Amino acid sequence: MQIGSRQFSPGLWPTIVTLSLLPLLVYLGFWQLDRAEQKSNLLEQKLERSNNESITSLVSGIDLDSLLWRKAVLSGEFKHSPVFLLDNQVLKNEVGYFVYSPFELSNGNIVLVNRGWTKAGLTRDVIPVIPVSQGIVEITGIIAAAPFSGIVLAEKTDEDLGNGLYRLQRVDLEKLNAKYELKLLSPIIRLDPDSEGGFVRDWRKPGSGKEKNLGYAFQWFAMASALLIIFLAVNLKKTVEDIDGS
């Protein structure tokens, strides 16, 4: 194929490689754009739910997905034992724990409440003091799912620290229910900063995270463009007449 003063004559293998990789790179770029849109829609859903009427009661068998990010105003009593410390939680470059306490609602059901972050001791033998509120209290918070995982440093995922305090590597509701006979509901309550009985609650504001996907999309499209440019540049050759200057 003649293009101006140059002849486009691609080789077999460069053509096969380009035709194989180019659609894949473009597909990955559009896939990341789709992921960015999904995350943006999810953020809108979170913000919309947080403005809905507060949940005042939780029962077994509820659909957790339909409640995520709703605000909850619950009346009940914190159980004094067990109390769980989720290990290896970093806040402002300091290592500490998230404190989880079972909260028995007035209807008898129990939910796990993330009461916030507390600093760890200089050594693992130094156990933080975790006071628990006495009697019936009202708490406010956001309904969330159990954290996907903690950092597992050993096969044993919980440690008895005495006095009803346990150090966890992972919050697994099924295992906690089985071991401690708690019958925890599936939602986790993130205690609001204004609610009493908590620790440091510097919760991250909800964000879509779409910027990362948009960045990845740009990279894939840039790689596709570079591949196409290289393919054209390598296979566009000057004609004999142009080389001779005639």
C-alpha atoms as a PDB file:
ATOM      1  CA  MET A   1       0.000   0.000   0.000  1.00  0.00           C
ATOM      2  CA  GLN A   2       1.432   3.354  -1.055  1.00  0.00           C
ATOM      3  CA  ILE A   3       1.035   6.185   1.457  1.00  0.00           C
ATOM      4  CA  GLY A   4       2.546   9.365   0.043  1.00  0.00           C
ATOM      5  CA  SER A   5       6.205   8.694  -0.629  1.00  0.00           C
ATOM      6  CA  ARG A   6       6.255   5.604   1.579  1.00  0.00           C
ATOM      7  CA  GLN A   7       5.231   2.026   1.126  1.00  0.00           C
ATOM      8  CA  PHE A   8       3.235   0.311   3.863  1.00  0.00           C
ATOM      9  CA  SER A   9       4.287  -3.336   3.846  1.00  0.00           C
ATOM     10  CA  PRO A  10       3.764  -4.990   7.233  1.00  0.00           C
ATOM     11  CA  GLY A  11       5.339  -8.332   7.976  1.00  0.00           C
ATOM     12  CA  LEU A  12       3.317 -11.367   8.984  1.00  0.00           C
ATOM     13  CA  TRP A  13       4.408 -11.660  12.634  1.00  0.00           C
ATOM     14  CA  PRO A  14       4.243  -7.934  13.466  1.00  0.00           C
ATOM     15  CA  THR A  15       0.727  -7.936  12.034  1.00  0.00           C
ATOM     16  CA  ILE A  16      -0.336 -10.993  14.052  1.00  0.00           C
ATOM     17  CA  VAL A  17       1.100  -9.557  17.270  1.00  0.00           C
ATOM     18  CA  THR A  18      -0.502  -6.146  16.712  1.00  0.00           C
ATOM     19  CA  LEU A  19      -3.910  -7.558  15.779  1.00  0.00           C
ATOM     20  CA  SER A  20      -3.782  -9.759  18.879  1.00  0.00           C
ATOM     21  CA  LEU A  21      -2.685  -7.138  21.390  1.00  0.00           C
ATOM     22  CA  LEU A  22      -4.426  -4.001  20.133  1.00  0.00           C
ATOM     23  CA  PRO A  23      -8.026  -5.173  20.719  1.00  0.00           C
ATOM     24  CA  LEU A  24      -7.032  -6.529  24.136  1.00  0.00           C
ATOM     25  CA  LEU A  25      -5.484  -3.211  25.214  1.00  0.00           C
ATOM     26  CA  VAL A  26      -8.518  -1.261  24.000  1.00  0.00           C
ATOM     27  CA  TYR A  27     -10.858  -3.698  25.756  1.00  0.00           C
ATOM     28  CA  LEU A  28      -8.957  -3.301  29.040  1.00  0.00           C
ATOM     29  CA  GLY A  29      -9.189   0.472  28.711  1.00  0.00           C
ATOM     30  CA  PHE A  30     -12.971   0.400  28.261  1.00  0.00           C
ATOM     31  CA  TRP A  31     -13.277  -2.168  31.062  1.00  0.00           C
ATOM     32  CA  GLN A  32     -11.564   0.247  33.449  1.00  0.00           C
ATOM     33  CA  LEU A  33     -13.876   3.047  32.310  1.00  0.00           C
ATOM     34  CA  ASP A  34     -16.835   0.781  33.069  1.00  0.00           C
ATOM     35  CA  ARG A  35     -15.419   0.012  36.531  1.00  0.00           C
ATOM     36  CA  ALA A  36     -15.037   3.754  37.160  1.00  0.00           C
ATOM     37  CA  GLU A  37     -18.684   4.314  36.248  1.00  0.00           C
ATOM     38  CA  GLN A  38     -19.799   1.468  38.530  1.00  0.00           C
ATOM     39  CA  LYS A  39     -17.874   2.956  41.455  1.00  0.00           C
ATOM     40  CA  SER A  40     -19.333   6.389  40.772  1.00  0.00           C
ATOM     41  CA  ASN A  41     -22.850   4.913  40.809  1.00  0.00           C
ATOM     42  CA  LEU A  42     -22.061   3.056  44.040  1.00  0.00           C
ATOM     43  CA  LEU A  43     -20.925   6.293  45.683  1.00  0.00           C
ATOM     44  CA  GLU A  44     -24.178   7.993  44.687  1.00  0.00           C
ATOM     45  CA  GLN A  45     -26.060   5.059  46.206  1.00  0.00           C
ATOM     46  CA  LYS A  46     -24.078   5.342  49.453  1.00  0.00           C
ATOM     47  CA  LEU A  47     -24.719   9.077  49.735  1.00  0.00           C
ATOM     48  CA  GLU A  48     -28.409   8.611  48.975  1.00  0.00           C
ATOM     49  CA  ARG A  49     -28.775   5.865  51.588  1.00  0.00           C
ATOM     50  CA  SER A  50     -26.972   7.898  54.248  1.00  0.00           C
ATOM     51  CA  ASN A  51     -29.673  10.560  53.868  1.00  0.00           C
ATOM     52  CA  ASN A  52     -32.530   8.079  54.288  1.00  0.00           C
ATOM     53  CA  GLU A  53     -34.523   7.714  57.492  1.00  0.00           C
ATOM     54  CA  SER A  54     -32.504   6.126  60.283  1.00  0.00           C
ATOM     55  CA  ILE A  55     -32.857   2.436  61.110  1.00  0.00           C
ATOM     56  CA  THR A  56     -34.077   1.982  64.679  1.00  0.00           C
ATOM     57  CA  SER A  57     -34.243  -1.807  64.880  1.00  0.00           C
ATOM     58  CA  LEU A  58     -32.409  -4.791  63.416  1.00  0.00           C
ATOM     59  CA  VAL A  59     -33.678  -8.368  63.204  1.00  0.00           C
ATOM     60  CA  SER A  60     -32.303 -11.676  62.004  1.00  0.00           C
ATOM     61  CA  GLY A  61     -32.659 -12.569  58.340  1.00  0.00           C
ATOM     62  CA  ILE A  62     -32.376  -8.969  57.134  1.00  0.00           C
ATOM     63  CA  ASP A  63     -30.904  -8.203  53.716  1.00  0.00           C
ATOM     64  CA  LEU A  64     -27.562  -6.605  54.578  1.00  0.00           C
ATOM     65  CA  ASP A  65     -27.015  -5.188  51.076  1.00  0.00           C
ATOM     66  CA  SER A  66     -30.193  -3.130  51.293  1.00  0.00           C
ATOM     67  CA  LEU A  67     -29.082  -1.571  54.606  1.00  0.00           C
ATOM     68  CA  LEU A  68     -25.442  -0.735  53.875  1.00  0.00           C
ATOM     69  CA  TRP A  69     -24.547   2.904  54.573  1.00  0.00           C
ATOM     70  CA  ARG A  70     -27.902   3.608  56.233  1.00  0.00           C
ATOM     71  CA  LYS A  71     -27.728   5.496  59.502  1.00  0.00           C
ATOM     72  CA  ALA A  72     -28.790   3.550  62.599  1.00  0.00           C
ATOM     73  CA  VAL A  73     -30.079   4.827  65.939  1.00  0.00           C
ATOM     74  CA  LEU A  74     -30.212   1.859  68.295  1.00  0.00           C
ATOM     75  CA  SER A  75     -31.083   1.356  71.936  1.00  0.00           C
ATOM     76  CA  GLY A  76     -29.486  -1.435  73.926  1.00  0.00           C
ATOM     77  CA  GLU A  77     -26.577  -2.442  76.122  1.00  0.00           C
ATOM     78  CA  PHE A  78     -22.919  -3.184  75.407  1.00  0.00           C
ATOM     79  CA  LYS A  79     -21.901  -6.659  76.540  1.00  0.00           C
ATOM     80  CA  HIS A  80     -18.864  -6.576  78.806  1.00  0.00           C
ATOM     81  CA  SER A  81     -17.486  -9.821  77.406  1.00  0.00           C
ATOM     82  CA  PRO A  82     -16.208 -10.645  74.936  1.00  0.00           C
ATOM     83  CA  VAL A  83     -14.587  -7.483  73.534  1.00  0.00           C
ATOM     84  CA  PHE A  84     -12.467  -7.823  70.401  1.00  0.00           C
ATOM     85  CA  LEU A  85      -9.367  -5.949  69.254  1.00  0.00           C
ATOM     86  CA  LEU A  86      -8.769  -6.140  65.500  1.00  0.00           C
ATOM     87  CA  ASP A  87      -5.000  -6.183  65.188  1.00  0.00           C
ATOM     88  CA  ASN A  88      -2.662  -4.164  62.929  1.00  0.00           C
ATOM     89  CA  GLN A  89      -4.816  -1.116  62.255  1.00  0.00           C
ATOM     90  CA  VAL A  90      -2.785   1.963  61.336  1.00  0.00           C
ATOM     91  CA  LEU A  91      -3.966   5.520  61.936  1.00  0.00           C
ATOM     92  CA  LYS A  92      -1.712   8.492  61.132  1.00  0.00           C
ATOM     93  CA  ASN A  93       1.348   6.229  61.027  1.00  0.00           C
ATOM     94  CA  GLU A  94       0.604   4.718  64.443  1.00  0.00           C
ATOM     95  CA  VAL A  95      -0.242   1.054  64.970  1.00  0.00           C
ATOM     96  CA  GLY A  96      -3.275   0.157  66.999  1.00  0.00           C
ATOM     97  CA  TYR A  97      -6.542  -1.740  67.128  1.00  0.00           C
ATOM     98  CA  PHE A  98     -10.153  -1.318  66.128  1.00  0.00           C
ATOM     99  CA  VAL A  99     -12.306  -2.067  69.157  1.00  0.00           C
ATOM    100  CA  TYR A 100     -15.382  -4.225  68.545  1.00  0.00           C
ATOM    101  CA  SER A 101     -18.024  -4.794  71.205  1.00  0.00           C
ATOM    102  CA  PRO A 102     -21.230  -6.853  70.960  1.00  0.00           C
ATOM    103  CA  PHE A 103     -24.277  -4.643  71.495  1.00  0.00           C
ATOM    104  CA  GLU A 104     -27.501  -6.280  72.636  1.00  0.00           C
ATOM    105  CA  LEU A 105     -30.529  -4.479  71.247  1.00  0.00           C
ATOM    106  CA  SER A 106     -33.736  -3.968  73.168  1.00  0.00           C
ATOM    107  CA  ASN A 107     -35.350  -6.703  71.017  1.00  0.00           C
ATOM    108  CA  GLY A 108     -32.711  -9.218  72.141  1.00  0.00           C
ATOM    109  CA  ASN A 109     -30.697  -9.311  68.901  1.00  0.00           C
ATOM    110  CA  ILE A 110     -26.952  -8.611  68.978  1.00  0.00           C
ATOM    111  CA  VAL A 111     -24.833  -6.593  66.593  1.00  0.00           C
ATOM    112  CA  LEU A 112     -21.094  -5.975  66.590  1.00  0.00           C
ATOM    113  CA  VAL A 113     -20.150  -2.311  67.011  1.00  0.00           C
ATOM    114  CA  ASN A 114     -16.860  -0.873  65.786  1.00  0.00           C
ATOM    115  CA  ARG A 115     -16.157   1.621  68.564  1.00  0.00           C
ATOM    116  CA  GLY A 116     -13.145   3.123  66.840  1.00  0.00           C
ATOM    117  CA  TRP A 117      -9.358   2.995  67.015  1.00  0.00           C
ATOM    118  CA  THR A 118      -7.089   2.807  70.032  1.00  0.00           C
ATOM    119  CA  LYS A 119      -3.302   2.913  70.120  1.00  0.00           C
ATOM    120  CA  ALA A 120      -1.343  -0.287  70.741  1.00  0.00           C
ATOM    121  CA  GLY A 121       1.259  -0.568  73.492  1.00  0.00           C
ATOM    122  CA  LEU A 122       5.021  -0.442  72.949  1.00  0.00           C
ATOM    123  CA  THR A 123       5.031  -4.244  73.035  1.00  0.00           C
ATOM    124  CA  ARG A 124       2.325  -6.803  72.357  1.00  0.00           C
ATOM    125  CA  ASP A 125       2.308  -7.679  76.047  1.00  0.00           C
ATOM    126  CA  VAL A 126       0.941  -4.221  76.883  1.00  0.00           C
ATOM    127  CA  ILE A 127      -2.853  -4.562  76.751  1.00  0.00           C
ATOM    128  CA  PRO A 128      -4.945  -1.408  76.310  1.00  0.00           C
ATOM    129  CA  VAL A 129      -7.661  -0.602  78.822  1.00  0.00           C
ATOM    130  CA  ILE A 130     -11.072  -0.960  77.163  1.00  0.00           C
ATOM    131  CA  PRO A 131     -13.916   0.432  79.291  1.00  0.00           C
ATOM    132  CA  VAL A 132     -17.465  -0.610  78.455  1.00  0.00           C
ATOM    133  CA  SER A 133     -20.535   1.574  79.048  1.00  0.00           C
ATOM    134  CA  GLN A 134     -22.874   0.484  81.816  1.00  0.00           C
ATOM    135  CA  GLY A 135     -26.602  -0.032  81.351  1.00  0.00           C
ATOM    136  CA  ILE A 136     -28.979   0.874  78.535  1.00  0.00           C
ATOM    137  CA  VAL A 137     -27.606   3.458  76.084  1.00  0.00           C
ATOM    138  CA  GLU A 138     -28.574   4.838  72.698  1.00  0.00           C
ATOM    139  CA  ILE A 139     -25.947   4.726  69.975  1.00  0.00           C
ATOM    140  CA  THR A 140     -25.815   6.173  66.481  1.00  0.00           C
ATOM    141  CA  GLY A 141     -23.719   4.881  63.641  1.00  0.00           C
ATOM    142  CA  ILE A 142     -23.509   3.739  60.057  1.00  0.00           C
ATOM    143  CA  ILE A 143     -24.452   0.231  58.969  1.00  0.00           C
ATOM    144  CA  ALA A 144     -21.504  -1.502  57.309  1.00  0.00           C
ATOM    145  CA  ALA A 145     -20.375  -4.987  56.397  1.00  0.00           C
ATOM    146  CA  ALA A 146     -17.731  -6.864  58.345  1.00  0.00           C
ATOM    147  CA  PRO A 147     -14.224  -5.949  57.146  1.00  0.00           C
ATOM    148  CA  PHE A 148     -13.056  -8.300  54.416  1.00  0.00           C
ATOM    149  CA  SER A 149      -9.970  -9.322  56.360  1.00  0.00           C
ATOM    150  CA  GLY A 150      -7.303  -8.179  58.708  1.00  0.00           C
ATOM    151  CA  ILE A 151      -3.595  -8.841  58.299  1.00  0.00           C
ATOM    152  CA  VAL A 152      -3.115 -12.455  59.300  1.00  0.00           C
ATOM    153  CA  LEU A 153       0.276 -12.875  60.960  1.00  0.00           C
ATOM    154  CA  ALA A 154      -0.270 -16.406  62.219  1.00  0.00           C
ATOM    155  CA  GLU A 155      -2.502 -19.415  61.753  1.00  0.00           C
ATOM    156  CA  LYS A 156      -4.260 -18.639  65.028  1.00  0.00           C
ATOM    157  CA  THR A 157      -6.659 -15.783  64.311  1.00  0.00           C
ATOM    158  CA  ASP A 158      -7.652 -14.917  67.903  1.00  0.00           C
ATOM    159  CA  GLU A 159      -5.797 -14.530  71.163  1.00  0.00           C
ATOM    160  CA  ASP A 160      -7.196 -14.562  74.702  1.00  0.00           C
ATOM    161  CA  LEU A 161      -5.815 -11.499  76.502  1.00  0.00           C
ATOM    162  CA  GLY A 162      -7.752 -12.112  79.715  1.00  0.00           C
ATOM    163  CA  ASN A 163     -10.680 -10.316  81.332  1.00  0.00           C
ATOM    164  CA  GLY A 164     -12.936 -11.027  78.352  1.00  0.00           C
ATOM    165  CA  LEU A 165     -10.627  -9.281  75.865  1.00  0.00           C
ATOM    166  CA  TYR A 166      -9.571 -11.027  72.650  1.00  0.00           C
ATOM    167  CA  ARG A 167      -7.112  -9.961  69.951  1.00  0.00           C
ATOM    168  CA  LEU A 168      -8.260 -10.857  66.425  1.00  0.00           C
ATOM    169  CA  GLN A 169      -6.437 -11.059  63.115  1.00  0.00           C
ATOM    170  CA  ARG A 170      -9.724 -11.161  61.215  1.00  0.00           C
ATOM    171  CA  VAL A 171     -13.375 -10.388  61.933  1.00  0.00           C
ATOM    172  CA  ASP A 172     -15.229 -13.525  60.902  1.00  0.00           C
ATOM    173  CA  LEU A 173     -18.784 -13.351  62.208  1.00  0.00           C
ATOM    174  CA  GLU A 174     -19.502 -17.039  61.679  1.00  0.00           C
ATOM    175  CA  LYS A 175     -16.450 -18.093  63.681  1.00  0.00           C
ATOM    176  CA  LEU A 176     -17.158 -15.553  66.409  1.00  0.00           C
ATOM    177  CA  ASN A 177     -20.734 -16.786  66.700  1.00  0.00           C
ATOM    178  CA  ALA A 178     -19.619 -20.403  66.890  1.00  0.00           C
ATOM    179  CA  LYS A 179     -16.836 -19.843  69.413  1.00  0.00           C
ATOM    180  CA  TYR A 180     -18.425 -17.253  71.678  1.00  0.00           C
ATOM    181  CA  GLU A 181     -22.111 -18.203  71.216  1.00  0.00           C
ATOM    182  CA  LEU A 182     -23.071 -14.636  70.337  1.00  0.00           C
ATOM    183  CA  LYS A 183     -25.557 -15.037  67.443  1.00  0.00           C
ATOM    184  CA  LEU A 184     -24.351 -11.775  65.902  1.00  0.00           C
ATOM    185  CA  LEU A 185     -26.420 -10.256  63.093  1.00  0.00           C
ATOM    186  CA  SER A 186     -24.646  -9.625  59.803  1.00  0.00           C
ATOM    187  CA  PRO A 187     -24.437  -5.788  59.976  1.00  0.00           C
ATOM    188  CA  ILE A 188     -21.528  -4.037  61.649  1.00  0.00           C
ATOM    189  CA  ILE A 189     -22.241  -0.643  63.217  1.00  0.00           C
ATOM    190  CA  ARG A 190     -19.544   2.019  62.838  1.00  0.00           C
ATOM    191  CA  LEU A 191     -20.059   4.197  65.877  1.00  0.00           C
ATOM    192  CA  ASP A 192     -20.493   7.899  65.125  1.00  0.00           C
ATOM    193  CA  PRO A 193     -17.910  10.309  66.568  1.00  0.00           C
ATOM    194  CA  ASP A 194     -20.688  12.004  68.567  1.00  0.00           C
ATOM    195  CA  SER A 195     -21.812   8.754  70.184  1.00  0.00           C
ATOM    196  CA  GLU A 196     -20.487   7.957  73.661  1.00  0.00           C
ATOM    197  CA  GLY A 197     -18.515   4.837  74.531  1.00  0.00           C
ATOM    198  CA  GLY A 198     -16.065   4.945  71.640  1.00  0.00           C
ATOM    199  CA  PHE A 199     -12.454   5.634  70.807  1.00  0.00           C
ATOM    200  CA  VAL A 200     -10.873   7.526  67.895  1.00  0.00           C
ATOM    201  CA  ARG A 201     -13.431   7.493  65.065  1.00  0.00           C
ATOM    202  CA  ASP A 202     -11.721   9.198  62.162  1.00  0.00           C
ATOM    203  CA  TRP A 203     -13.830   7.336  59.614  1.00  0.00           C
ATOM    204  CA  ARG A 204     -12.958   7.844  55.983  1.00  0.00           C
ATOM    205  CA  LYS A 205     -15.560   9.767  54.058  1.00  0.00           C
ATOM    206  CA  PRO A 206     -17.088   7.619  51.321  1.00  0.00           C
ATOM    207  CA  GLY A 207     -15.341   8.027  47.995  1.00  0.00           C
ATOM    208  CA  SER A 208     -15.848   6.301  44.698  1.00  0.00           C
ATOM    209  CA  GLY A 209     -12.208   5.444  44.038  1.00  0.00           C
ATOM    210  CA  LYS A 210     -12.895   5.896  40.337  1.00  0.00           C
ATOM    211  CA  GLU A 211      -9.755   7.989  39.878  1.00  0.00           C
ATOM    212  CA  LYS A 212      -7.601   4.870  40.079  1.00  0.00           C
ATOM    213  CA  ASN A 213      -9.654   3.156  37.355  1.00  0.00           C
ATOM    214  CA  LEU A 214      -9.514   6.238  35.140  1.00  0.00           C
ATOM    215  CA  GLY A 215      -5.745   6.238  35.532  1.00  0.00           C
ATOM    216  CA  TYR A 216      -5.564   2.579  34.548  1.00  0.00           C
ATOM    217  CA  ALA A 217      -7.823   3.260  31.546  1.00  0.00           C
ATOM    218  CA  PHE A 218      -5.485   6.025  30.386  1.00  0.00           C
ATOM    219  CA  GLN A 219      -2.515   3.658  30.659  1.00  0.00           C
ATOM    220  CA  TRP A 220      -4.220   0.938  28.596  1.00  0.00           C
ATOM    221  CA  PHE A 221      -5.286   3.392  25.896  1.00  0.00           C
ATOM    222  CA  ALA A 222      -1.788   4.917  25.871  1.00  0.00           C
ATOM    223  CA  MET A 223      -0.254   1.464  25.389  1.00  0.00           C
ATOM    224  CA  ALA A 224      -2.710   0.753  22.555  1.00  0.00           C
ATOM    225  CA  SER A 225      -1.796   4.052  20.869  1.00  0.00           C
ATOM    226  CA  ALA A 226       1.912   3.396  21.291  1.00  0.00           C
ATOM    227  CA  LEU A 227       1.577  -0.092  19.824  1.00  0.00           C
ATOM    228  CA  LEU A 228      -0.294   1.239  16.801  1.00  0.00           C
ATOM    229  CA  ILE A 229       2.231   4.043  16.237  1.00  0.00           C
ATOM    230  CA  ILE A 230       5.165   1.633  16.477  1.00  0.00           C
ATOM    231  CA  PHE A 231       3.469  -0.792  14.090  1.00  0.00           C
ATOM    232  CA  LEU A 232       2.917   1.937  11.505  1.00  0.00           C
ATOM    233  CA  ALA A 233       6.364   3.479  11.919  1.00  0.00           C
ATOM    234  CA  VAL A 234       8.189   0.169  11.563  1.00  0.00           C
ATOM    235  CA  ASN A 235       6.231  -0.907   8.513  1.00  0.00           C
ATOM    236  CA  LEU A 236       6.196   2.386   6.579  1.00  0.00           C
ATOM    237  CA  LYS A 237       9.284   2.294   4.383  1.00  0.00           C
ATOM    238  CA  LYS A 238      10.639   4.770   1.917  1.00  0.00           C
ATOM    239  CA  THR A 239      10.291   3.769  -1.720  1.00  0.00           C
ATOM    240  CA  VAL A 240      13.408   3.169  -3.809  1.00  0.00           C
ATOM    241  CA  GLU A 241      12.787   6.362  -5.833  1.00  0.00           C
ATOM    242  CA  ASP A 242      12.513   8.418  -2.632  1.00  0.00           C
ATOM    243  CA  ILE A 243      15.751   6.943  -1.290  1.00  0.00           C
ATOM    244  CA  ASP A 244      17.593   7.743  -4.526  1.00  0.00           C
ATOM    245  CA  GLY A 245      16.141  11.238  -4.497  1.00  0.00           C
ATOM    246  CA  SER A 246      14.705  10.847  -7.970  1.00  0.00           C
END
